Amino acid sequence: MLIVPDVSTDLLGRIPSGTNELVHEQLVQAGIRFRQWMLGNLAHAAGHFGLALIGPPEFGWLDRSIGAPVEGTRWLRVVSEEEQWVGDACWTGNLAANVFDALRKPYVLDVCEWDDWRRVRAELMTLMPGEPCSPAEALRLPDEWWIDLRKTTDAIAAMPTDRFSTDQAEVAGRIQQHYGNSVNPAVRHWETAHGDLRWANLRGPDFGLLDWKQWGRAPVGMDAATLLCDSFAVPELAERVRDVFADVLDAGRLAQLYVEARVRR
């Protein structure tokens, strides 16, 4: 039986400060109902694939997705979206990432979709071993892990694709918003990127990289710049990232400005 998790601090944190008590309670109840609906979608997907859920569910960003381990050492992910956004690249990104058949990442085994009041997509995936990395603990990772990280990002960068993780208009808009006309925002060099290379998407102690929905073309160095920004809370870790990606970061100065602007939005 699925148990609805308690309203988490991340859910409560989305409610603007100063909201009156009645509206606050209405928003909390709406969040709980949405989570209940997503839990129902997860149960429906498990039934469709004929698999039992064997672990507690985890909600993704803004509760847009939910996932849980299922029997057979697999992971079941369910995402919902309003119909007008279903066609964007993120909707099929995990399945499209199966082209990276030699990397340590989840692979999509099966997919089903259905309509409720939103479009819902379920993805049955391989389950990655290990635990999520955190900046506080990442310095303990062995040298082999860092070598695997660099090999993986190099392999991603070399993959041809017509998908875009970001585009020129997005890059120019972010940079001009924060830096005005002091920086030329024209991207001269593009490569393929994971698109969300943060510590929460990395696994250890054996290397693994999760969450491929945003992969596609991006300014050179965007993945390295994203991981660097996600490491600043631990200065020694930021230095390690700089060492591992020194050449990429040097070539990707525009990507660093873009990532910084995106983080500061």
C-alpha atoms as a PDB file:
ATOM      1  CA  MET A   1       0.000   0.000   0.000  1.00  0.00           C
ATOM      2  CA  LEU A   2       1.321   3.441  -0.936  1.00  0.00           C
ATOM      3  CA  ILE A   3       1.554   5.941   1.894  1.00  0.00           C
ATOM      4  CA  VAL A   4       1.291   9.651   1.122  1.00  0.00           C
ATOM      5  CA  PRO A   5       4.472  11.312   2.437  1.00  0.00           C
ATOM      6  CA  ASP A   6       4.138  14.198   4.837  1.00  0.00           C
ATOM      7  CA  VAL A   7       4.102  17.674   3.334  1.00  0.00           C
ATOM      8  CA  SER A   8       7.802  18.392   3.032  1.00  0.00           C
ATOM      9  CA  THR A   9       9.652  21.616   3.685  1.00  0.00           C
ATOM     10  CA  ASP A  10      10.310  21.961  -0.040  1.00  0.00           C
ATOM     11  CA  LEU A  11       6.532  21.983  -0.669  1.00  0.00           C
ATOM     12  CA  LEU A  12       5.919  24.492   2.092  1.00  0.00           C
ATOM     13  CA  GLY A  13       8.836  26.566   0.840  1.00  0.00           C
ATOM     14  CA  ARG A  14       7.034  27.207  -2.442  1.00  0.00           C
ATOM     15  CA  ILE A  15       4.327  29.206  -0.663  1.00  0.00           C
ATOM     16  CA  PRO A  16       5.273  32.916  -0.645  1.00  0.00           C
ATOM     17  CA  SER A  17       5.935  34.446   2.742  1.00  0.00           C
ATOM     18  CA  GLY A  18       3.138  36.673   3.898  1.00  0.00           C
ATOM     19  CA  THR A  19       0.418  34.479   2.423  1.00  0.00           C
ATOM     20  CA  ASN A  20      -2.656  34.731   4.617  1.00  0.00           C
ATOM     21  CA  GLU A  21      -3.600  31.737   6.713  1.00  0.00           C
ATOM     22  CA  LEU A  22      -6.597  30.647   4.627  1.00  0.00           C
ATOM     23  CA  VAL A  23      -4.761  30.790   1.305  1.00  0.00           C
ATOM     24  CA  HIS A  24      -1.742  29.088   2.889  1.00  0.00           C
ATOM     25  CA  GLU A  25      -3.896  26.167   3.999  1.00  0.00           C
ATOM     26  CA  GLN A  26      -5.570  25.947   0.576  1.00  0.00           C
ATOM     27  CA  LEU A  27      -2.164  25.768  -1.118  1.00  0.00           C
ATOM     28  CA  VAL A  28      -0.953  23.094   1.296  1.00  0.00           C
ATOM     29  CA  GLN A  29      -4.059  20.987   0.679  1.00  0.00           C
ATOM     30  CA  ALA A  30      -3.681  21.429  -3.088  1.00  0.00           C
ATOM     31  CA  GLY A  31      -0.092  20.199  -2.818  1.00  0.00           C
ATOM     32  CA  ILE A  32      -1.177  17.157  -0.834  1.00  0.00           C
ATOM     33  CA  ARG A  33      -3.896  16.329  -3.382  1.00  0.00           C
ATOM     34  CA  PHE A  34      -1.405  16.625  -6.226  1.00  0.00           C
ATOM     35  CA  ARG A  35       0.999  14.273  -4.451  1.00  0.00           C
ATOM     36  CA  GLN A  36      -1.811  11.806  -3.874  1.00  0.00           C
ATOM     37  CA  TRP A  37      -2.627  11.974  -7.581  1.00  0.00           C
ATOM     38  CA  MET A  38       1.016  11.371  -8.521  1.00  0.00           C
ATOM     39  CA  LEU A  39       1.204   8.435  -6.130  1.00  0.00           C
ATOM     40  CA  GLY A  40      -1.872   7.022  -7.849  1.00  0.00           C
ATOM     41  CA  ASN A  41      -0.141   7.419 -11.213  1.00  0.00           C
ATOM     42  CA  LEU A  42       2.879   5.537  -9.877  1.00  0.00           C
ATOM     43  CA  ALA A  43       0.665   2.683  -8.686  1.00  0.00           C
ATOM     44  CA  HIS A  44      -1.132   2.640 -12.058  1.00  0.00           C
ATOM     45  CA  ALA A  45       2.191   2.427 -13.915  1.00  0.00           C
ATOM     46  CA  ALA A  46       3.416  -0.408 -11.701  1.00  0.00           C
ATOM     47  CA  GLY A  47       0.223  -2.305 -12.450  1.00  0.00           C
ATOM     48  CA  HIS A  48       0.615  -1.673 -16.183  1.00  0.00           C
ATOM     49  CA  PHE A  49       4.099  -3.202 -16.165  1.00  0.00           C
ATOM     50  CA  GLY A  50       3.034  -5.993 -13.798  1.00  0.00           C
ATOM     51  CA  LEU A  51       5.629  -5.050 -11.184  1.00  0.00           C
ATOM     52  CA  ALA A  52       5.496  -4.468  -7.437  1.00  0.00           C
ATOM     53  CA  LEU A  53       6.864  -1.327  -5.834  1.00  0.00           C
ATOM     54  CA  ILE A  54       9.516  -2.352  -3.305  1.00  0.00           C
ATOM     55  CA  GLY A  55      10.686   0.951  -1.855  1.00  0.00           C
ATOM     56  CA  PRO A  56       9.457   4.371  -0.772  1.00  0.00           C
ATOM     57  CA  PRO A  57       8.610   6.856  -3.544  1.00  0.00           C
ATOM     58  CA  GLU A  58      10.719   9.938  -4.192  1.00  0.00           C
ATOM     59  CA  PHE A  59       9.281  13.152  -5.622  1.00  0.00           C
ATOM     60  CA  GLY A  60      11.185  15.201  -8.170  1.00  0.00           C
ATOM     61  CA  TRP A  61      11.352  18.935  -8.797  1.00  0.00           C
ATOM     62  CA  LEU A  62       8.053  20.659  -7.947  1.00  0.00           C
ATOM     63  CA  ASP A  63       6.497  17.182  -7.641  1.00  0.00           C
ATOM     64  CA  ARG A  64       6.433  17.048 -11.450  1.00  0.00           C
ATOM     65  CA  SER A  65       7.828  13.525 -11.283  1.00  0.00           C
ATOM     66  CA  ILE A  66       7.831  10.619  -8.874  1.00  0.00           C
ATOM     67  CA  GLY A  67       9.880   7.431  -8.831  1.00  0.00           C
ATOM     68  CA  ALA A  68      10.418   4.280  -6.806  1.00  0.00           C
ATOM     69  CA  PRO A  69      12.359   1.013  -7.020  1.00  0.00           C
ATOM     70  CA  VAL A  70      10.449  -1.967  -8.348  1.00  0.00           C
ATOM     71  CA  GLU A  71      11.155  -5.690  -8.357  1.00  0.00           C
ATOM     72  CA  GLY A  72      13.806  -6.905 -10.759  1.00  0.00           C
ATOM     73  CA  THR A  73      16.395  -4.246  -9.800  1.00  0.00           C
ATOM     74  CA  ARG A  74      14.604  -1.576 -11.797  1.00  0.00           C
ATOM     75  CA  TRP A  75      13.346   1.946 -11.265  1.00  0.00           C
ATOM     76  CA  LEU A  76       9.919   3.235 -12.222  1.00  0.00           C
ATOM     77  CA  ARG A  77       9.642   6.950 -13.001  1.00  0.00           C
ATOM     78  CA  VAL A  78       6.389   8.776 -13.684  1.00  0.00           C
ATOM     79  CA  VAL A  79       6.192  12.360 -14.922  1.00  0.00           C
ATOM     80  CA  SER A  80       3.168  14.558 -15.595  1.00  0.00           C
ATOM     81  CA  GLU A  81       2.905  17.685 -17.684  1.00  0.00           C
ATOM     82  CA  GLU A  82       0.360  20.042 -19.181  1.00  0.00           C
ATOM     83  CA  GLU A  83      -0.443  19.073 -22.760  1.00  0.00           C
ATOM     84  CA  GLN A  84       1.199  22.095 -24.405  1.00  0.00           C
ATOM     85  CA  TRP A  85       4.595  21.155 -22.938  1.00  0.00           C
ATOM     86  CA  VAL A  86       4.537  17.456 -23.796  1.00  0.00           C
ATOM     87  CA  GLY A  87       6.343  17.951 -27.110  1.00  0.00           C
ATOM     88  CA  ASP A  88       9.508  19.485 -25.689  1.00  0.00           C
ATOM     89  CA  ALA A  89      12.790  17.595 -25.657  1.00  0.00           C
ATOM     90  CA  CYS A  90      12.697  16.930 -21.904  1.00  0.00           C
ATOM     91  CA  TRP A  91       9.613  14.733 -22.306  1.00  0.00           C
ATOM     92  CA  THR A  92      11.530  12.036 -24.207  1.00  0.00           C
ATOM     93  CA  GLY A  93      15.065  12.834 -23.043  1.00  0.00           C
ATOM     94  CA  ASN A  94      15.607   9.746 -20.902  1.00  0.00           C
ATOM     95  CA  LEU A  95      14.559   7.394 -23.694  1.00  0.00           C
ATOM     96  CA  ALA A  96      16.572   9.292 -26.307  1.00  0.00           C
ATOM     97  CA  ALA A  97      19.631   8.961 -24.035  1.00  0.00           C
ATOM     98  CA  ASN A  98      19.660   5.210 -24.671  1.00  0.00           C
ATOM     99  CA  VAL A  99      22.041   6.078 -27.532  1.00  0.00           C
ATOM    100  CA  PHE A 100      24.760   6.342 -24.862  1.00  0.00           C
ATOM    101  CA  ASP A 101      24.929   2.575 -24.664  1.00  0.00           C
ATOM    102  CA  ALA A 102      28.407   2.376 -23.109  1.00  0.00           C
ATOM    103  CA  LEU A 103      27.982   4.829 -20.239  1.00  0.00           C
ATOM    104  CA  ARG A 104      27.115   4.143 -16.608  1.00  0.00           C
ATOM    105  CA  LYS A 105      23.597   5.498 -16.586  1.00  0.00           C
ATOM    106  CA  PRO A 106      20.006   4.298 -16.363  1.00  0.00           C
ATOM    107  CA  TYR A 107      18.531   2.815 -19.542  1.00  0.00           C
ATOM    108  CA  VAL A 108      14.848   3.018 -20.388  1.00  0.00           C
ATOM    109  CA  LEU A 109      13.391  -0.464 -20.861  1.00  0.00           C
ATOM    110  CA  ASP A 110       9.747   0.391 -21.567  1.00  0.00           C
ATOM    111  CA  VAL A 111       7.423   3.384 -21.740  1.00  0.00           C
ATOM    112  CA  CYS A 112       3.689   3.985 -21.496  1.00  0.00           C
ATOM    113  CA  GLU A 113       1.606   7.173 -21.599  1.00  0.00           C
ATOM    114  CA  TRP A 114      -1.956   8.088 -20.790  1.00  0.00           C
ATOM    115  CA  ASP A 115      -4.174  11.133 -20.316  1.00  0.00           C
ATOM    116  CA  ASP A 116      -5.771  12.248 -17.093  1.00  0.00           C
ATOM    117  CA  TRP A 117      -6.237  15.954 -16.489  1.00  0.00           C
ATOM    118  CA  ARG A 118      -2.537  16.141 -17.486  1.00  0.00           C
ATOM    119  CA  ARG A 119      -0.462  13.978 -19.789  1.00  0.00           C
ATOM    120  CA  VAL A 120       1.323  11.241 -17.829  1.00  0.00           C
ATOM    121  CA  ARG A 121       4.379   9.253 -18.919  1.00  0.00           C
ATOM    122  CA  ALA A 122       5.832   6.216 -17.138  1.00  0.00           C
ATOM    123  CA  GLU A 123       9.379   5.021 -17.808  1.00  0.00           C
ATOM    124  CA  LEU A 124      10.655   1.648 -16.608  1.00  0.00           C
ATOM    125  CA  MET A 125      14.407   1.955 -16.196  1.00  0.00           C
ATOM    126  CA  THR A 126      17.452   0.067 -14.993  1.00  0.00           C
ATOM    127  CA  LEU A 127      18.352   0.870 -11.384  1.00  0.00           C
ATOM    128  CA  MET A 128      21.742   2.417 -10.722  1.00  0.00           C
ATOM    129  CA  PRO A 129      23.714   1.123  -7.732  1.00  0.00           C
ATOM    130  CA  GLY A 130      25.236   3.355  -5.079  1.00  0.00           C
ATOM    131  CA  GLU A 131      24.026   6.502  -3.375  1.00  0.00           C
ATOM    132  CA  PRO A 132      23.537  10.131  -4.446  1.00  0.00           C
ATOM    133  CA  CYS A 133      26.691  12.198  -4.103  1.00  0.00           C
ATOM    134  CA  SER A 134      26.780  15.366  -2.024  1.00  0.00           C
ATOM    135  CA  PRO A 135      29.303  18.225  -2.131  1.00  0.00           C
ATOM    136  CA  ALA A 136      30.173  17.594   1.520  1.00  0.00           C
ATOM    137  CA  GLU A 137      31.234  13.998   0.826  1.00  0.00           C
ATOM    138  CA  ALA A 138      32.452  14.174  -2.766  1.00  0.00           C
ATOM    139  CA  LEU A 139      36.092  14.775  -1.806  1.00  0.00           C
ATOM    140  CA  ARG A 140      36.172  11.214  -0.451  1.00  0.00           C
ATOM    141  CA  LEU A 141      35.473   9.753  -3.885  1.00  0.00           C
ATOM    142  CA  PRO A 142      38.406   7.759  -5.313  1.00  0.00           C
ATOM    143  CA  ASP A 143      40.531   9.001  -8.191  1.00  0.00           C
ATOM    144  CA  GLU A 144      38.965   6.359 -10.455  1.00  0.00           C
ATOM    145  CA  TRP A 145      35.580   8.016  -9.930  1.00  0.00           C
ATOM    146  CA  TRP A 146      36.881  11.359 -11.187  1.00  0.00           C
ATOM    147  CA  ILE A 147      38.478   9.658 -14.184  1.00  0.00           C
ATOM    148  CA  ASP A 148      35.114   8.059 -15.008  1.00  0.00           C
ATOM    149  CA  LEU A 149      33.399  11.433 -14.653  1.00  0.00           C
ATOM    150  CA  ARG A 150      35.741  13.079 -17.162  1.00  0.00           C
ATOM    151  CA  LYS A 151      35.507  10.148 -19.601  1.00  0.00           C
ATOM    152  CA  THR A 152      31.729  10.317 -19.396  1.00  0.00           C
ATOM    153  CA  THR A 153      31.502  14.042 -20.092  1.00  0.00           C
ATOM    154  CA  ASP A 154      33.963  13.662 -22.981  1.00  0.00           C
ATOM    155  CA  ALA A 155      31.806  10.879 -24.460  1.00  0.00           C
ATOM    156  CA  ILE A 156      28.673  13.001 -24.101  1.00  0.00           C
ATOM    157  CA  ALA A 157      30.340  16.014 -25.734  1.00  0.00           C
ATOM    158  CA  ALA A 158      31.309  13.911 -28.752  1.00  0.00           C
ATOM    159  CA  MET A 159      27.805  12.520 -29.383  1.00  0.00           C
ATOM    160  CA  PRO A 160      26.103  14.056 -32.451  1.00  0.00           C
ATOM    161  CA  THR A 161      22.478  15.043 -31.911  1.00  0.00           C
ATOM    162  CA  ASP A 162      19.816  17.432 -33.126  1.00  0.00           C
ATOM    163  CA  ARG A 163      18.509  17.876 -29.563  1.00  0.00           C
ATOM    164  CA  PHE A 164      19.218  21.122 -27.691  1.00  0.00           C
ATOM    165  CA  SER A 165      19.735  21.441 -23.950  1.00  0.00           C
ATOM    166  CA  THR A 166      19.684  25.212 -24.411  1.00  0.00           C
ATOM    167  CA  ASP A 167      19.772  27.525 -27.407  1.00  0.00           C
ATOM    168  CA  GLN A 168      21.280  30.822 -28.458  1.00  0.00           C
ATOM    169  CA  ALA A 169      18.229  32.850 -27.475  1.00  0.00           C
ATOM    170  CA  GLU A 170      18.203  31.416 -23.940  1.00  0.00           C
ATOM    171  CA  VAL A 171      21.947  31.968 -23.505  1.00  0.00           C
ATOM    172  CA  ALA A 172      21.769  35.556 -24.779  1.00  0.00           C
ATOM    173  CA  GLY A 173      18.735  36.364 -22.642  1.00  0.00           C
ATOM    174  CA  ARG A 174      20.298  35.120 -19.409  1.00  0.00           C
ATOM    175  CA  ILE A 175      23.666  36.781 -20.009  1.00  0.00           C
ATOM    176  CA  GLN A 176      22.228  40.141 -21.076  1.00  0.00           C
ATOM    177  CA  GLN A 177      19.827  40.122 -18.113  1.00  0.00           C
ATOM    178  CA  HIS A 178      22.699  39.887 -15.634  1.00  0.00           C
ATOM    179  CA  TYR A 179      25.687  41.381 -17.499  1.00  0.00           C
ATOM    180  CA  GLY A 180      24.051  43.828 -19.901  1.00  0.00           C
ATOM    181  CA  ASN A 181      26.053  44.583 -23.030  1.00  0.00           C
ATOM    182  CA  SER A 182      29.419  44.059 -21.362  1.00  0.00           C
ATOM    183  CA  VAL A 183      29.561  40.478 -22.695  1.00  0.00           C
ATOM    184  CA  ASN A 184      29.043  39.281 -26.261  1.00  0.00           C
ATOM    185  CA  PRO A 185      26.545  36.417 -25.793  1.00  0.00           C
ATOM    186  CA  ALA A 186      27.073  34.789 -29.201  1.00  0.00           C
ATOM    187  CA  VAL A 187      27.947  31.097 -28.770  1.00  0.00           C
ATOM    188  CA  ARG A 188      30.714  30.197 -31.204  1.00  0.00           C
ATOM    189  CA  HIS A 189      31.333  26.636 -30.095  1.00  0.00           C
ATOM    190  CA  TRP A 190      28.687  24.044 -29.247  1.00  0.00           C
ATOM    191  CA  GLU A 191      28.891  20.487 -27.938  1.00  0.00           C
ATOM    192  CA  THR A 192      26.509  17.902 -26.526  1.00  0.00           C
ATOM    193  CA  ALA A 193      25.890  18.206 -22.779  1.00  0.00           C
ATOM    194  CA  HIS A 194      24.109  16.227 -20.087  1.00  0.00           C
ATOM    195  CA  GLY A 195      22.369  19.473 -19.216  1.00  0.00           C
ATOM    196  CA  ASP A 196      22.029  19.021 -15.444  1.00  0.00           C
ATOM    197  CA  LEU A 197      25.397  17.848 -14.141  1.00  0.00           C
ATOM    198  CA  ARG A 198      24.826  18.427 -10.441  1.00  0.00           C
ATOM    199  CA  TRP A 199      25.920  16.366  -7.446  1.00  0.00           C
ATOM    200  CA  ALA A 200      22.370  15.140  -6.817  1.00  0.00           C
ATOM    201  CA  ASN A 201      22.474  13.414 -10.216  1.00  0.00           C
ATOM    202  CA  LEU A 202      25.812  11.676  -9.608  1.00  0.00           C
ATOM    203  CA  ARG A 203      26.233   8.325  -7.869  1.00  0.00           C
ATOM    204  CA  GLY A 204      29.046   6.956  -5.745  1.00  0.00           C
ATOM    205  CA  PRO A 205      31.241   5.282  -4.749  1.00  0.00           C
ATOM    206  CA  ASP A 206      30.855   3.557  -8.140  1.00  0.00           C
ATOM    207  CA  PHE A 207      30.349   6.210 -10.787  1.00  0.00           C
ATOM    208  CA  GLY A 208      26.886   6.724 -12.272  1.00  0.00           C
ATOM    209  CA  LEU A 209      25.011   9.634 -13.840  1.00  0.00           C
ATOM    210  CA  LEU A 210      21.231  10.035 -13.567  1.00  0.00           C
ATOM    211  CA  ASP A 211      18.508  12.303 -15.004  1.00  0.00           C
ATOM    212  CA  TRP A 212      19.101  12.611 -18.740  1.00  0.00           C
ATOM    213  CA  LYS A 213      15.926  14.440 -19.673  1.00  0.00           C
ATOM    214  CA  GLN A 214      17.726  17.706 -20.556  1.00  0.00           C
ATOM    215  CA  TRP A 215      20.628  16.406 -22.635  1.00  0.00           C
ATOM    216  CA  GLY A 216      21.421  18.040 -25.968  1.00  0.00           C
ATOM    217  CA  ARG A 217      23.526  20.732 -27.621  1.00  0.00           C
ATOM    218  CA  ALA A 218      24.869  23.481 -25.365  1.00  0.00           C
ATOM    219  CA  PRO A 219      27.753  25.954 -25.187  1.00  0.00           C
ATOM    220  CA  VAL A 220      31.116  24.244 -24.767  1.00  0.00           C
ATOM    221  CA  GLY A 221      31.834  23.696 -21.078  1.00  0.00           C
ATOM    222  CA  MET A 222      28.280  23.939 -19.743  1.00  0.00           C
ATOM    223  CA  ASP A 223      28.395  20.628 -17.850  1.00  0.00           C
ATOM    224  CA  ALA A 224      31.729  21.477 -16.209  1.00  0.00           C
ATOM    225  CA  ALA A 225      30.467  24.957 -15.346  1.00  0.00           C
ATOM    226  CA  THR A 226      27.276  23.537 -13.837  1.00  0.00           C
ATOM    227  CA  LEU A 227      29.187  21.130 -11.600  1.00  0.00           C
ATOM    228  CA  LEU A 228      31.607  23.880 -10.608  1.00  0.00           C
ATOM    229  CA  CYS A 229      28.753  26.162  -9.522  1.00  0.00           C
ATOM    230  CA  ASP A 230      27.250  23.278  -7.566  1.00  0.00           C
ATOM    231  CA  SER A 231      30.575  22.855  -5.720  1.00  0.00           C
ATOM    232  CA  PHE A 232      31.251  26.389  -4.494  1.00  0.00           C
ATOM    233  CA  ALA A 233      29.947  25.631  -0.992  1.00  0.00           C
ATOM    234  CA  VAL A 234      33.003  23.393  -0.527  1.00  0.00           C
ATOM    235  CA  PRO A 235      36.063  25.333  -1.776  1.00  0.00           C
ATOM    236  CA  GLU A 236      38.320  22.255  -1.905  1.00  0.00           C
ATOM    237  CA  LEU A 237      35.737  20.493  -4.049  1.00  0.00           C
ATOM    238  CA  ALA A 238      35.455  23.437  -6.411  1.00  0.00           C
ATOM    239  CA  GLU A 239      39.229  23.305  -6.847  1.00  0.00           C
ATOM    240  CA  ARG A 240      39.040  19.595  -7.661  1.00  0.00           C
ATOM    241  CA  VAL A 241      36.398  20.254 -10.296  1.00  0.00           C
ATOM    242  CA  ARG A 242      38.548  23.026 -11.756  1.00  0.00           C
ATOM    243  CA  ASP A 243      41.524  20.663 -11.943  1.00  0.00           C
ATOM    244  CA  VAL A 244      39.555  17.875 -13.636  1.00  0.00           C
ATOM    245  CA  PHE A 245      37.947  20.220 -16.184  1.00  0.00           C
ATOM    246  CA  ALA A 246      40.649  22.893 -16.503  1.00  0.00           C
ATOM    247  CA  ASP A 247      40.840  22.781 -20.309  1.00  0.00           C
ATOM    248  CA  VAL A 248      37.056  22.624 -20.734  1.00  0.00           C
ATOM    249  CA  LEU A 249      36.428  25.527 -18.373  1.00  0.00           C
ATOM    250  CA  ASP A 250      39.103  27.587 -20.107  1.00  0.00           C
ATOM    251  CA  ALA A 251      37.402  27.026 -23.457  1.00  0.00           C
ATOM    252  CA  GLY A 252      33.951  27.514 -21.950  1.00  0.00           C
ATOM    253  CA  ARG A 253      34.091  30.927 -20.328  1.00  0.00           C
ATOM    254  CA  LEU A 254      30.801  31.945 -21.916  1.00  0.00           C
ATOM    255  CA  ALA A 255      29.210  28.789 -20.546  1.00  0.00           C
ATOM    256  CA  GLN A 256      30.382  29.766 -17.064  1.00  0.00           C
ATOM    257  CA  LEU A 257      28.731  33.172 -17.371  1.00  0.00           C
ATOM    258  CA  TYR A 258      25.540  31.569 -18.635  1.00  0.00           C
ATOM    259  CA  VAL A 259      25.399  29.008 -15.807  1.00  0.00           C
ATOM    260  CA  GLU A 260      26.091  31.683 -13.198  1.00  0.00           C
ATOM    261  CA  ALA A 261      23.310  33.845 -14.641  1.00  0.00           C
ATOM    262  CA  ARG A 262      20.933  30.890 -14.683  1.00  0.00           C
ATOM    263  CA  VAL A 263      21.691  30.048 -11.039  1.00  0.00           C
ATOM    264  CA  ARG A 264      21.124  33.668 -10.001  1.00  0.00           C
ATOM    265  CA  ARG A 265      17.742  34.008 -11.717  1.00  0.00           C
END
